[in-house]
Amino acid sequence: MADDDNRLKELLDGNLSPQEIADDPVLASLAERIYGTDFLDRVGITRGETKRALVEQFSEIDGDDLLIDILPDDGLPLPMPEDMPPNPSLDLPDDTYGSGRSIKHKLTLIAGLAGLIGVVVNLFYGFGNFLSGCADEVHSTCSSSMKLNWIEFHRMDEHIAWSPTGSIGIPDVILVALCLWYIVCGLRGRN
């Protein structure tokens, strides 16, 4: 084996003559793989000769022992599956902490739902039915205008703060969109 290693080293160093390479079919095959077929053509080695020599060399070896190392049998038993240590990737602890939403996300979800309910109730039923800011002595349309206008909520004692139920304004659309955004953020938030 050491002689083969020295011959391979000499091949790689370029210290072998073309005749020495042609005489050893294994070295010729290695030279062809390492340096290419052009190298063999330049030094005068034909590929047919090296292939025939390589086939002849391997045909002398019994078919069962072809390039297989015999492993020593020192009486060591093979490990059985029950003797193997447990797979650490399967030993995952039960992770109950962090499985739900955080307080922040719960509050965001509750605020979005409460705001959406408030906007819908004001839009179709009117906060004027709950709040005492709309009275007949304030303005004449107080009995029909029960919806609180969101921009004028601080002026509930004046007629400008009230409009007929069912009328949708830009602040209503903005508040609905904001509440839906809060709901989505609250639902998506997980630890």
N, C-alpha and C. Protein backbone atom coordinates (compact mmCIF):
# COMPACT_ATOMS: atom_id res chain seq x y z
N MET A 1 0.82 -1.19 0.00
CA MET A 1 0.00 0.00 0.00
C MET A 1 0.86 1.25 0.00
N ALA A 2 1.96 1.23 0.76
CA ALA A 2 2.85 2.38 0.82
C ALA A 2 3.51 2.61 -0.54
N ASP A 3 3.78 1.51 -1.27
CA ASP A 3 4.38 1.64 -2.60
C ASP A 3 3.41 2.32 -3.55
N ASP A 4 2.11 1.98 -3.43
CA ASP A 4 1.10 2.63 -4.27
C ASP A 4 1.00 4.12 -3.95
N ASP A 5 1.10 4.46 -2.67
CA ASP A 5 1.05 5.87 -2.28
C ASP A 5 2.25 6.63 -2.83
N ASN A 6 3.44 5.99 -2.82
CA ASN A 6 4.64 6.65 -3.35
C ASN A 6 4.51 6.84 -4.86
N ARG A 7 3.93 5.83 -5.55
CA ARG A 7 3.77 5.94 -7.00
C ARG A 7 2.79 7.06 -7.34
N LEU A 8 1.72 7.17 -6.55
CA LEU A 8 0.75 8.24 -6.77
C LEU A 8 1.40 9.60 -6.53
N LYS A 9 2.20 9.71 -5.49
CA LYS A 9 2.89 10.97 -5.21
C LYS A 9 3.84 11.33 -6.35
N GLU A 10 4.56 10.31 -6.89
CA GLU A 10 5.45 10.57 -8.01
C GLU A 10 4.67 11.01 -9.25
N LEU A 11 3.47 10.43 -9.44
CA LEU A 11 2.64 10.83 -10.58
C LEU A 11 2.23 12.29 -10.43
N LEU A 12 1.80 12.66 -9.23
CA LEU A 12 1.36 14.03 -9.00
C LEU A 12 2.52 15.02 -9.09
N ASP A 13 3.72 14.58 -8.69
CA ASP A 13 4.89 15.46 -8.77
C ASP A 13 5.46 15.54 -10.17
N GLY A 14 5.05 14.62 -11.05
CA GLY A 14 5.55 14.61 -12.42
C GLY A 14 6.88 13.89 -12.56
N ASN A 15 7.22 13.00 -11.63
CA ASN A 15 8.50 12.30 -11.65
C ASN A 15 8.45 10.97 -12.39
N LEU A 16 7.30 10.53 -12.88
CA LEU A 16 7.18 9.25 -13.58
C LEU A 16 7.32 9.47 -15.08
N SER A 17 7.97 8.52 -15.74
CA SER A 17 8.10 8.60 -17.19
C SER A 17 6.82 8.09 -17.85
N PRO A 18 6.57 8.43 -19.11
CA PRO A 18 5.38 7.93 -19.80
C PRO A 18 5.32 6.40 -19.84
N GLN A 19 6.48 5.77 -19.92
CA GLN A 19 6.49 4.30 -19.96
C GLN A 19 6.04 3.72 -18.62
N GLU A 20 6.46 4.32 -17.51
CA GLU A 20 6.03 3.85 -16.18
C GLU A 20 4.53 4.03 -15.99
N ILE A 21 4.01 5.13 -16.51
CA ILE A 21 2.56 5.37 -16.42
C ILE A 21 1.82 4.36 -17.28
N ALA A 22 2.32 4.08 -18.48
CA ALA A 22 1.64 3.14 -19.39
C ALA A 22 1.70 1.73 -18.84
N ASP A 23 2.75 1.36 -18.10
CA ASP A 23 2.87 0.01 -17.56
C ASP A 23 1.89 -0.26 -16.42
N ASP A 24 1.50 0.76 -15.71
CA ASP A 24 0.57 0.59 -14.58
C ASP A 24 -0.80 1.13 -14.99
N PRO A 25 -1.78 0.26 -15.22
CA PRO A 25 -3.09 0.72 -15.70
C PRO A 25 -3.82 1.61 -14.69
N VAL A 26 -3.59 1.39 -13.41
CA VAL A 26 -4.25 2.23 -12.40
C VAL A 26 -3.69 3.64 -12.47
N LEU A 27 -2.35 3.76 -12.58
CA LEU A 27 -1.75 5.09 -12.70
C LEU A 27 -2.17 5.78 -14.00
N ALA A 28 -2.28 5.00 -15.08
CA ALA A 28 -2.71 5.58 -16.35
C ALA A 28 -4.14 6.10 -16.25
N SER A 29 -4.99 5.34 -15.58
CA SER A 29 -6.37 5.79 -15.40
C SER A 29 -6.42 7.04 -14.53
N LEU A 30 -5.60 7.07 -13.46
CA LEU A 30 -5.56 8.26 -12.60
C LEU A 30 -5.00 9.46 -13.36
N ALA A 31 -3.97 9.24 -14.17
CA ALA A 31 -3.40 10.34 -14.95
C ALA A 31 -4.42 10.90 -15.93
N GLU A 32 -5.23 10.00 -16.50
CA GLU A 32 -6.27 10.46 -17.42
C GLU A 32 -7.31 11.30 -16.69
N ARG A 33 -7.67 10.87 -15.49
CA ARG A 33 -8.67 11.61 -14.72
C ARG A 33 -8.13 12.93 -14.20
N ILE A 34 -6.85 12.92 -13.80
CA ILE A 34 -6.27 14.13 -13.21
C ILE A 34 -5.88 15.15 -14.28
N TYR A 35 -5.15 14.67 -15.29
CA TYR A 35 -4.58 15.59 -16.28
C TYR A 35 -5.39 15.67 -17.57
N GLY A 36 -6.31 14.73 -17.81
CA GLY A 36 -7.13 14.75 -19.00
C GLY A 36 -6.58 13.88 -20.11
N THR A 37 -7.38 13.66 -21.13
CA THR A 37 -6.98 12.79 -22.24
C THR A 37 -5.92 13.45 -23.11
N ASP A 38 -5.88 14.77 -23.13
CA ASP A 38 -4.85 15.46 -23.92
C ASP A 38 -3.45 15.14 -23.40
N PHE A 39 -3.33 15.02 -22.08
CA PHE A 39 -2.03 14.69 -21.49
C PHE A 39 -1.57 13.31 -21.96
N LEU A 40 -2.49 12.33 -21.95
CA LEU A 40 -2.12 10.99 -22.39
C LEU A 40 -1.73 10.99 -23.86
N ASP A 41 -2.42 11.75 -24.68
CA ASP A 41 -2.08 11.82 -26.10
C ASP A 41 -0.71 12.46 -26.30
N ARG A 42 -0.38 13.49 -25.51
CA ARG A 42 0.91 14.17 -25.67
C ARG A 42 2.09 13.29 -25.27
N VAL A 43 1.89 12.45 -24.25
CA VAL A 43 3.01 11.60 -23.82
C VAL A 43 3.03 10.27 -24.57
N GLY A 44 2.05 10.02 -25.43
CA GLY A 44 2.06 8.84 -26.28
C GLY A 44 1.42 7.61 -25.69
N ILE A 45 0.54 7.78 -24.73
CA ILE A 45 -0.18 6.64 -24.14
C ILE A 45 -1.57 6.62 -24.75
N THR A 46 -1.95 5.47 -25.30
CA THR A 46 -3.29 5.38 -25.88
C THR A 46 -4.26 4.90 -24.82
N ARG A 47 -5.44 5.35 -24.94
CA ARG A 47 -6.45 5.03 -23.92
C ARG A 47 -6.89 3.58 -24.02
N GLY A 48 -6.88 3.01 -25.21
CA GLY A 48 -7.31 1.62 -25.37
C GLY A 48 -6.43 0.66 -24.60
N GLU A 49 -5.13 0.89 -24.61
CA GLU A 49 -4.20 0.01 -23.90
C GLU A 49 -4.42 0.09 -22.40
N THR A 50 -4.62 1.29 -21.89
CA THR A 50 -4.79 1.42 -20.45
C THR A 50 -6.10 0.82 -19.99
N LYS A 51 -7.15 0.94 -20.79
CA LYS A 51 -8.44 0.36 -20.39
C LYS A 51 -8.37 -1.15 -20.42
N ARG A 52 -7.71 -1.73 -21.46
CA ARG A 52 -7.60 -3.18 -21.52
C ARG A 52 -6.78 -3.70 -20.35
N ALA A 53 -5.70 -3.01 -20.03
CA ALA A 53 -4.85 -3.44 -18.92
C ALA A 53 -5.60 -3.34 -17.60
N LEU A 54 -6.40 -2.31 -17.45
CA LEU A 54 -7.17 -2.14 -16.22
C LEU A 54 -8.22 -3.23 -16.09
N VAL A 55 -8.87 -3.59 -17.19
CA VAL A 55 -9.86 -4.67 -17.15
C VAL A 55 -9.19 -5.99 -16.82
N GLU A 56 -8.03 -6.23 -17.40
CA GLU A 56 -7.32 -7.48 -17.12
C GLU A 56 -6.89 -7.53 -15.65
N GLN A 57 -6.45 -6.41 -15.11
CA GLN A 57 -6.00 -6.40 -13.72
C GLN A 57 -7.15 -6.72 -12.78
N PHE A 58 -8.33 -6.13 -13.03
CA PHE A 58 -9.45 -6.38 -12.13
C PHE A 58 -10.12 -7.72 -12.38
N SER A 59 -9.95 -8.29 -13.55
CA SER A 59 -10.55 -9.60 -13.80
C SER A 59 -9.79 -10.69 -13.08
N GLU A 60 -8.53 -10.45 -12.69
CA GLU A 60 -7.76 -11.42 -11.93
C GLU A 60 -8.25 -11.54 -10.50
N ILE A 61 -8.93 -10.51 -9.98
CA ILE A 61 -9.42 -10.50 -8.61
C ILE A 61 -10.76 -11.22 -8.58
N ASP A 62 -10.98 -11.99 -7.52
CA ASP A 62 -12.28 -12.66 -7.38
C ASP A 62 -13.38 -11.60 -7.33
N GLY A 63 -14.52 -11.92 -7.91
CA GLY A 63 -15.61 -10.97 -8.00
C GLY A 63 -16.18 -10.56 -6.66
N ASP A 64 -16.08 -11.44 -5.66
CA ASP A 64 -16.66 -11.11 -4.37
C ASP A 64 -15.81 -10.12 -3.58
N ASP A 65 -14.49 -10.11 -3.84
CA ASP A 65 -13.58 -9.28 -3.04
C ASP A 65 -13.24 -7.96 -3.72
N LEU A 66 -13.93 -7.59 -4.76
CA LEU A 66 -13.58 -6.42 -5.55
C LEU A 66 -13.76 -5.13 -4.73
N LEU A 67 -12.63 -4.52 -4.35
CA LEU A 67 -12.58 -3.23 -3.68
C LEU A 67 -13.37 -3.16 -2.38
N ILE A 68 -13.53 -4.29 -1.70
CA ILE A 68 -14.25 -4.29 -0.43
C ILE A 68 -13.27 -4.65 0.67
N ASP A 69 -13.16 -3.78 1.64
CA ASP A 69 -12.30 -4.06 2.78
C ASP A 69 -13.05 -4.98 3.73
N ILE A 70 -12.32 -5.90 4.30
CA ILE A 70 -12.91 -6.81 5.28
C ILE A 70 -12.80 -6.14 6.64
N LEU A 71 -13.93 -5.98 7.29
CA LEU A 71 -13.95 -5.35 8.60
C LEU A 71 -13.64 -6.42 9.65
N PRO A 72 -12.79 -6.09 10.60
CA PRO A 72 -12.46 -7.10 11.61
C PRO A 72 -13.65 -7.34 12.53
N ASP A 73 -13.81 -8.61 12.89
CA ASP A 73 -14.90 -8.98 13.79
C ASP A 73 -14.30 -9.19 15.17
N ASP A 74 -14.39 -8.18 16.01
CA ASP A 74 -13.81 -8.25 17.35
C ASP A 74 -14.84 -8.69 18.38
N GLY A 75 -15.94 -9.22 17.93
CA GLY A 75 -16.96 -9.67 18.86
C GLY A 75 -17.79 -8.54 19.42
N LEU A 76 -17.76 -7.40 18.79
CA LEU A 76 -18.55 -6.26 19.26
C LEU A 76 -19.98 -6.40 18.73
N PRO A 77 -20.95 -6.41 19.60
CA PRO A 77 -22.33 -6.52 19.11
C PRO A 77 -22.81 -5.19 18.53
N LEU A 78 -23.69 -5.28 17.58
CA LEU A 78 -24.29 -4.07 17.01
C LEU A 78 -25.30 -3.49 18.00
N PRO A 79 -25.39 -2.19 18.11
CA PRO A 79 -26.36 -1.61 19.06
C PRO A 79 -27.79 -1.84 18.57
N MET A 80 -28.65 -2.13 19.49
CA MET A 80 -30.06 -2.31 19.20
C MET A 80 -30.78 -0.98 19.39
N PRO A 81 -31.92 -0.78 18.76
CA PRO A 81 -32.63 0.51 18.89
C PRO A 81 -32.97 0.88 20.32
N GLU A 82 -33.28 -0.11 21.16
CA GLU A 82 -33.63 0.23 22.54
C GLU A 82 -32.40 0.62 23.35
N ASP A 83 -31.18 0.26 22.85
CA ASP A 83 -29.96 0.64 23.54
C ASP A 83 -29.50 2.05 23.20
N MET A 84 -30.08 2.63 22.18
CA MET A 84 -29.67 3.95 21.72
C MET A 84 -30.23 5.02 22.65
N PRO A 85 -29.53 6.14 22.80
CA PRO A 85 -30.06 7.23 23.63
C PRO A 85 -31.27 7.86 22.94
N PRO A 86 -32.14 8.50 23.70
CA PRO A 86 -33.33 9.10 23.08
C PRO A 86 -32.96 10.26 22.16
N ASN A 87 -33.79 10.45 21.18
CA ASN A 87 -33.59 11.54 20.23
C ASN A 87 -33.95 12.86 20.91
N PRO A 88 -33.00 13.79 21.04
CA PRO A 88 -33.30 15.03 21.78
C PRO A 88 -34.32 15.91 21.07
N SER A 89 -34.47 15.78 19.75
CA SER A 89 -35.43 16.64 19.06
C SER A 89 -36.86 16.23 19.36
N LEU A 90 -37.06 14.99 19.86
CA LEU A 90 -38.41 14.55 20.17
C LEU A 90 -38.80 14.84 21.61
N ASP A 91 -37.85 15.24 22.43
CA ASP A 91 -38.13 15.53 23.84
C ASP A 91 -38.42 17.01 24.04
N LEU A 92 -39.45 17.50 23.40
CA LEU A 92 -39.80 18.91 23.53
C LEU A 92 -40.67 19.11 24.76
N PRO A 93 -40.36 20.10 25.57
CA PRO A 93 -41.20 20.33 26.75
C PRO A 93 -42.55 20.91 26.34
N ASP A 94 -43.53 20.67 27.19
CA ASP A 94 -44.85 21.26 26.95
C ASP A 94 -44.75 22.75 27.20
N ASP A 95 -44.97 23.52 26.16
CA ASP A 95 -44.81 24.97 26.23
C ASP A 95 -46.18 25.61 26.41
N THR A 96 -46.62 25.67 27.66
CA THR A 96 -47.90 26.31 27.91
C THR A 96 -47.74 27.82 28.07
N TYR A 97 -46.55 28.26 28.45
CA TYR A 97 -46.30 29.69 28.60
C TYR A 97 -46.20 30.31 27.21
N GLY A 98 -46.88 31.39 27.00
CA GLY A 98 -46.79 32.10 25.74
C GLY A 98 -47.67 31.54 24.65
N SER A 99 -48.58 30.65 25.00
CA SER A 99 -49.42 30.06 23.96
C SER A 99 -50.60 30.95 23.61
N GLY A 100 -50.94 31.91 24.46
CA GLY A 100 -52.07 32.79 24.19
C GLY A 100 -51.62 34.18 23.81
N ARG A 101 -52.59 35.07 23.78
CA ARG A 101 -52.29 36.46 23.44
C ARG A 101 -51.79 37.20 24.67
N SER A 102 -50.97 38.20 24.42
CA SER A 102 -50.50 39.03 25.52
C SER A 102 -51.61 40.00 25.93
N ILE A 103 -51.41 40.64 27.05
CA ILE A 103 -52.40 41.60 27.56
C ILE A 103 -52.58 42.74 26.55
N LYS A 104 -51.50 43.17 25.95
CA LYS A 104 -51.57 44.26 24.98
C LYS A 104 -52.46 43.88 23.80
N HIS A 105 -52.28 42.68 23.30
CA HIS A 105 -53.09 42.25 22.15
C HIS A 105 -54.55 42.01 22.54
N LYS A 106 -54.76 41.52 23.77
CA LYS A 106 -56.14 41.35 24.23
C LYS A 106 -56.85 42.70 24.34
N LEU A 107 -56.14 43.69 24.91
CA LEU A 107 -56.74 45.02 25.03
C LEU A 107 -56.99 45.66 23.67
N THR A 108 -56.08 45.43 22.72
CA THR A 108 -56.26 45.95 21.36
C THR A 108 -57.49 45.33 20.72
N LEU A 109 -57.66 44.05 20.89
CA LEU A 109 -58.83 43.36 20.34
C LEU A 109 -60.13 43.85 20.99
N ILE A 110 -60.12 43.98 22.30
CA ILE A 110 -61.33 44.45 23.00
C ILE A 110 -61.66 45.89 22.61
N ALA A 111 -60.65 46.75 22.48
CA ALA A 111 -60.88 48.14 22.08
C ALA A 111 -61.45 48.20 20.66
N GLY A 112 -60.93 47.37 19.76
CA GLY A 112 -61.44 47.35 18.39
C GLY A 112 -62.88 46.88 18.33
N LEU A 113 -63.21 45.83 19.09
CA LEU A 113 -64.59 45.33 19.11
C LEU A 113 -65.54 46.35 19.74
N ALA A 114 -65.14 46.94 20.87
CA ALA A 114 -65.99 47.92 21.53
C ALA A 114 -66.20 49.15 20.64
N GLY A 115 -65.15 49.61 20.00
CA GLY A 115 -65.27 50.76 19.10
C GLY A 115 -66.17 50.46 17.91
N LEU A 116 -66.05 49.27 17.33
CA LEU A 116 -66.89 48.90 16.19
C LEU A 116 -68.36 48.81 16.61
N ILE A 117 -68.60 48.23 17.76
CA ILE A 117 -69.98 48.15 18.25
C ILE A 117 -70.53 49.56 18.51
N GLY A 118 -69.71 50.43 19.09
CA GLY A 118 -70.14 51.81 19.35
C GLY A 118 -70.47 52.55 18.06
N VAL A 119 -69.64 52.40 17.05
CA VAL A 119 -69.89 53.10 15.78
C VAL A 119 -71.17 52.58 15.13
N VAL A 120 -71.37 51.27 15.13
CA VAL A 120 -72.56 50.69 14.50
C VAL A 120 -73.82 51.09 15.26
N VAL A 121 -73.77 51.06 16.60
CA VAL A 121 -74.95 51.47 17.39
C VAL A 121 -75.26 52.93 17.13
N ASN A 122 -74.27 53.80 17.11
CA ASN A 122 -74.50 55.22 16.85
C ASN A 122 -75.05 55.43 15.45
N LEU A 123 -74.57 54.66 14.51
CA LEU A 123 -74.96 54.83 13.12
C LEU A 123 -76.43 54.43 12.88
N PHE A 124 -76.85 53.32 13.45
CA PHE A 124 -78.19 52.81 13.15
C PHE A 124 -79.23 53.04 14.25
N TYR A 125 -78.81 53.26 15.48
CA TYR A 125 -79.78 53.52 16.55
C TYR A 125 -79.62 54.93 17.09
N GLY A 126 -78.40 55.37 17.22
CA GLY A 126 -78.13 56.74 17.64
C GLY A 126 -77.79 56.85 19.12
N PHE A 127 -76.73 57.56 19.42
CA PHE A 127 -76.38 57.80 20.80
C PHE A 127 -77.32 58.80 21.46
N GLY A 128 -78.13 59.49 20.68
CA GLY A 128 -79.10 60.43 21.25
C GLY A 128 -80.13 59.73 22.10
N ASN A 129 -80.34 58.42 21.87
CA ASN A 129 -81.28 57.66 22.69
C ASN A 129 -80.69 57.35 24.06
N PHE A 130 -79.36 57.42 24.20
CA PHE A 130 -78.70 57.12 25.47
C PHE A 130 -78.25 58.38 26.20
N LEU A 131 -77.81 59.37 25.44
CA LEU A 131 -77.26 60.57 26.04
C LEU A 131 -78.35 61.63 26.17
N SER A 132 -78.25 62.43 27.18
CA SER A 132 -79.28 63.45 27.42
C SER A 132 -78.93 64.78 26.78
N GLY A 133 -77.97 64.80 25.89
CA GLY A 133 -77.54 66.05 25.27
C GLY A 133 -78.52 66.54 24.22
N CYS A 134 -79.34 65.67 23.71
CA CYS A 134 -80.28 66.07 22.67
C CYS A 134 -81.67 66.21 23.29
N ALA A 135 -82.14 67.40 23.37
CA ALA A 135 -83.48 67.66 23.90
C ALA A 135 -84.20 68.58 22.93
N ASP A 136 -85.54 68.57 22.97
CA ASP A 136 -86.33 69.38 22.03
C ASP A 136 -86.05 70.87 22.18
N GLU A 137 -85.71 71.31 23.36
CA GLU A 137 -85.44 72.74 23.52
C GLU A 137 -84.10 73.14 22.92
N VAL A 138 -83.19 72.17 22.63
CA VAL A 138 -81.90 72.49 22.01
C VAL A 138 -82.12 72.81 20.55
N HIS A 139 -82.82 71.90 19.83
CA HIS A 139 -83.15 72.16 18.42
C HIS A 139 -84.36 71.34 18.05
N SER A 140 -85.00 71.74 16.96
CA SER A 140 -86.28 71.15 16.60
C SER A 140 -86.15 69.75 16.00
N THR A 141 -85.01 69.40 15.46
CA THR A 141 -84.85 68.09 14.82
C THR A 141 -84.28 67.05 15.78
N CYS A 142 -84.34 67.32 17.05
CA CYS A 142 -83.72 66.42 18.03
C CYS A 142 -84.44 65.08 18.08
N SER A 143 -85.69 65.01 17.79
CA SER A 143 -86.40 63.73 17.85
C SER A 143 -86.03 62.83 16.67
N SER A 144 -85.65 63.41 15.54
CA SER A 144 -85.27 62.59 14.38
C SER A 144 -83.77 62.49 14.20
N SER A 145 -83.02 63.41 14.72
CA SER A 145 -81.55 63.39 14.59
C SER A 145 -80.95 62.86 15.88
N MET A 146 -80.75 61.56 15.93
CA MET A 146 -80.24 60.92 17.14
C MET A 146 -78.78 60.45 17.01
N LYS A 147 -78.23 60.54 15.81
CA LYS A 147 -76.86 60.09 15.60
C LYS A 147 -75.90 61.22 15.97
N LEU A 148 -74.91 60.87 16.80
CA LEU A 148 -73.90 61.83 17.22
C LEU A 148 -72.84 61.93 16.15
N ASN A 149 -72.55 63.15 15.71
CA ASN A 149 -71.47 63.37 14.75
C ASN A 149 -70.16 63.35 15.52
N TRP A 150 -69.23 62.51 15.07
CA TRP A 150 -68.00 62.27 15.82
C TRP A 150 -67.10 63.50 15.89
N ILE A 151 -67.12 64.32 14.89
CA ILE A 151 -66.26 65.50 14.91
C ILE A 151 -66.80 66.55 15.89
N GLU A 152 -68.10 66.58 16.07
CA GLU A 152 -68.73 67.60 16.93
C GLU A 152 -69.19 67.01 18.26
N PHE A 153 -68.57 65.96 18.75
CA PHE A 153 -69.04 65.32 19.98
C PHE A 153 -68.91 66.23 21.21
N HIS A 154 -68.03 67.20 21.16
CA HIS A 154 -67.84 68.10 22.30
C HIS A 154 -68.91 69.20 22.35
N ARG A 155 -69.75 69.29 21.31
CA ARG A 155 -70.81 70.31 21.27
C ARG A 155 -72.18 69.64 21.25
N MET A 156 -72.42 68.73 22.20
CA MET A 156 -73.66 67.96 22.19
C MET A 156 -74.89 68.81 22.54
N ASP A 157 -74.71 69.96 23.07
CA ASP A 157 -75.84 70.80 23.40
C ASP A 157 -76.27 71.68 22.23
N GLU A 158 -75.64 71.53 21.07
CA GLU A 158 -76.00 72.30 19.89
C GLU A 158 -76.50 71.33 18.81
N HIS A 159 -77.25 71.88 17.87
CA HIS A 159 -77.85 71.02 16.83
C HIS A 159 -76.83 70.48 15.83
N ILE A 160 -75.69 71.13 15.72
CA ILE A 160 -74.68 70.70 14.75
C ILE A 160 -74.06 69.36 15.11
N ALA A 161 -74.15 68.94 16.36
CA ALA A 161 -73.56 67.68 16.81
C ALA A 161 -74.42 66.48 16.47
N TRP A 162 -75.65 66.72 15.97
CA TRP A 162 -76.58 65.60 15.74
C TRP A 162 -77.00 65.54 14.28
N SER A 163 -77.20 64.31 13.79
CA SER A 163 -77.68 64.11 12.43
C SER A 163 -78.63 62.93 12.42
N PRO A 164 -79.37 62.72 11.33
CA PRO A 164 -80.32 61.60 11.28
C PRO A 164 -79.59 60.26 11.32
N THR A 165 -80.21 59.29 11.98
CA THR A 165 -79.62 57.95 12.03
C THR A 165 -79.61 57.34 10.63
N GLY A 166 -78.57 56.56 10.35
CA GLY A 166 -78.44 55.95 9.03
C GLY A 166 -77.58 56.75 8.08
N SER A 167 -77.29 58.00 8.40
CA SER A 167 -76.44 58.81 7.51
C SER A 167 -74.97 58.53 7.85
N ILE A 168 -74.24 58.15 6.83
CA ILE A 168 -72.83 57.76 7.02
C ILE A 168 -71.95 58.92 6.61
N GLY A 169 -71.03 59.29 7.49
CA GLY A 169 -70.10 60.37 7.19
C GLY A 169 -68.66 59.85 7.14
N ILE A 170 -67.76 60.71 6.74
CA ILE A 170 -66.35 60.33 6.63
C ILE A 170 -65.78 59.91 7.99
N PRO A 171 -66.09 60.61 9.09
CA PRO A 171 -65.57 60.15 10.39
C PRO A 171 -66.06 58.75 10.76
N ASP A 172 -67.28 58.40 10.35
CA ASP A 172 -67.78 57.04 10.62
C ASP A 172 -66.94 56.00 9.88
N VAL A 173 -66.64 56.26 8.63
CA VAL A 173 -65.84 55.33 7.84
C VAL A 173 -64.44 55.20 8.42
N ILE A 174 -63.85 56.31 8.82
CA ILE A 174 -62.50 56.28 9.39
C ILE A 174 -62.49 55.50 10.70
N LEU A 175 -63.49 55.71 11.55
CA LEU A 175 -63.55 54.97 12.82
C LEU A 175 -63.77 53.47 12.60
N VAL A 176 -64.61 53.11 11.63
CA VAL A 176 -64.81 51.69 11.34
C VAL A 176 -63.50 51.07 10.85
N ALA A 177 -62.80 51.73 9.98
CA ALA A 177 -61.52 51.21 9.48
C ALA A 177 -60.50 51.08 10.62
N LEU A 178 -60.44 52.07 11.50
CA LEU A 178 -59.53 52.02 12.63
C LEU A 178 -59.87 50.87 13.58
N CYS A 179 -61.16 50.70 13.85
CA CYS A 179 -61.57 49.60 14.74
C CYS A 179 -61.28 48.24 14.11
N LEU A 180 -61.50 48.11 12.81
CA LEU A 180 -61.16 46.85 12.13
C LEU A 180 -59.66 46.59 12.18
N TRP A 181 -58.86 47.65 12.04
CA TRP A 181 -57.41 47.50 12.14
C TRP A 181 -57.01 47.02 13.54
N TYR A 182 -57.63 47.57 14.57
CA TYR A 182 -57.35 47.13 15.93
C TYR A 182 -57.74 45.66 16.11
N ILE A 183 -58.86 45.27 15.55
CA ILE A 183 -59.29 43.87 15.67
C ILE A 183 -58.29 42.94 14.99
N VAL A 184 -57.86 43.30 13.81
CA VAL A 184 -56.88 42.47 13.08
C VAL A 184 -55.58 42.38 13.85
N CYS A 185 -55.11 43.51 14.38
CA CYS A 185 -53.86 43.49 15.16
C CYS A 185 -54.01 42.66 16.43
N GLY A 186 -55.17 42.74 17.05
CA GLY A 186 -55.40 41.95 18.25
C GLY A 186 -55.49 40.46 17.96
N LEU A 187 -56.05 40.09 16.83
CA LEU A 187 -56.16 38.67 16.47
C LEU A 187 -54.81 38.10 16.03
N ARG A 188 -54.01 38.89 15.36
CA ARG A 188 -52.73 38.39 14.84
C ARG A 188 -51.65 38.32 15.90
N GLY A 189 -51.80 39.06 16.96
CA GLY A 189 -50.75 39.12 17.98
C GLY A 189 -50.72 37.88 18.84
N ARG A 190 -49.62 37.16 18.78
CA ARG A 190 -49.39 36.00 19.63
C ARG A 190 -47.97 36.05 20.16
N ASN A 191 -47.75 35.44 21.29
CA ASN A 191 -46.38 35.35 21.84
C ASN A 191 -45.69 34.15 21.28
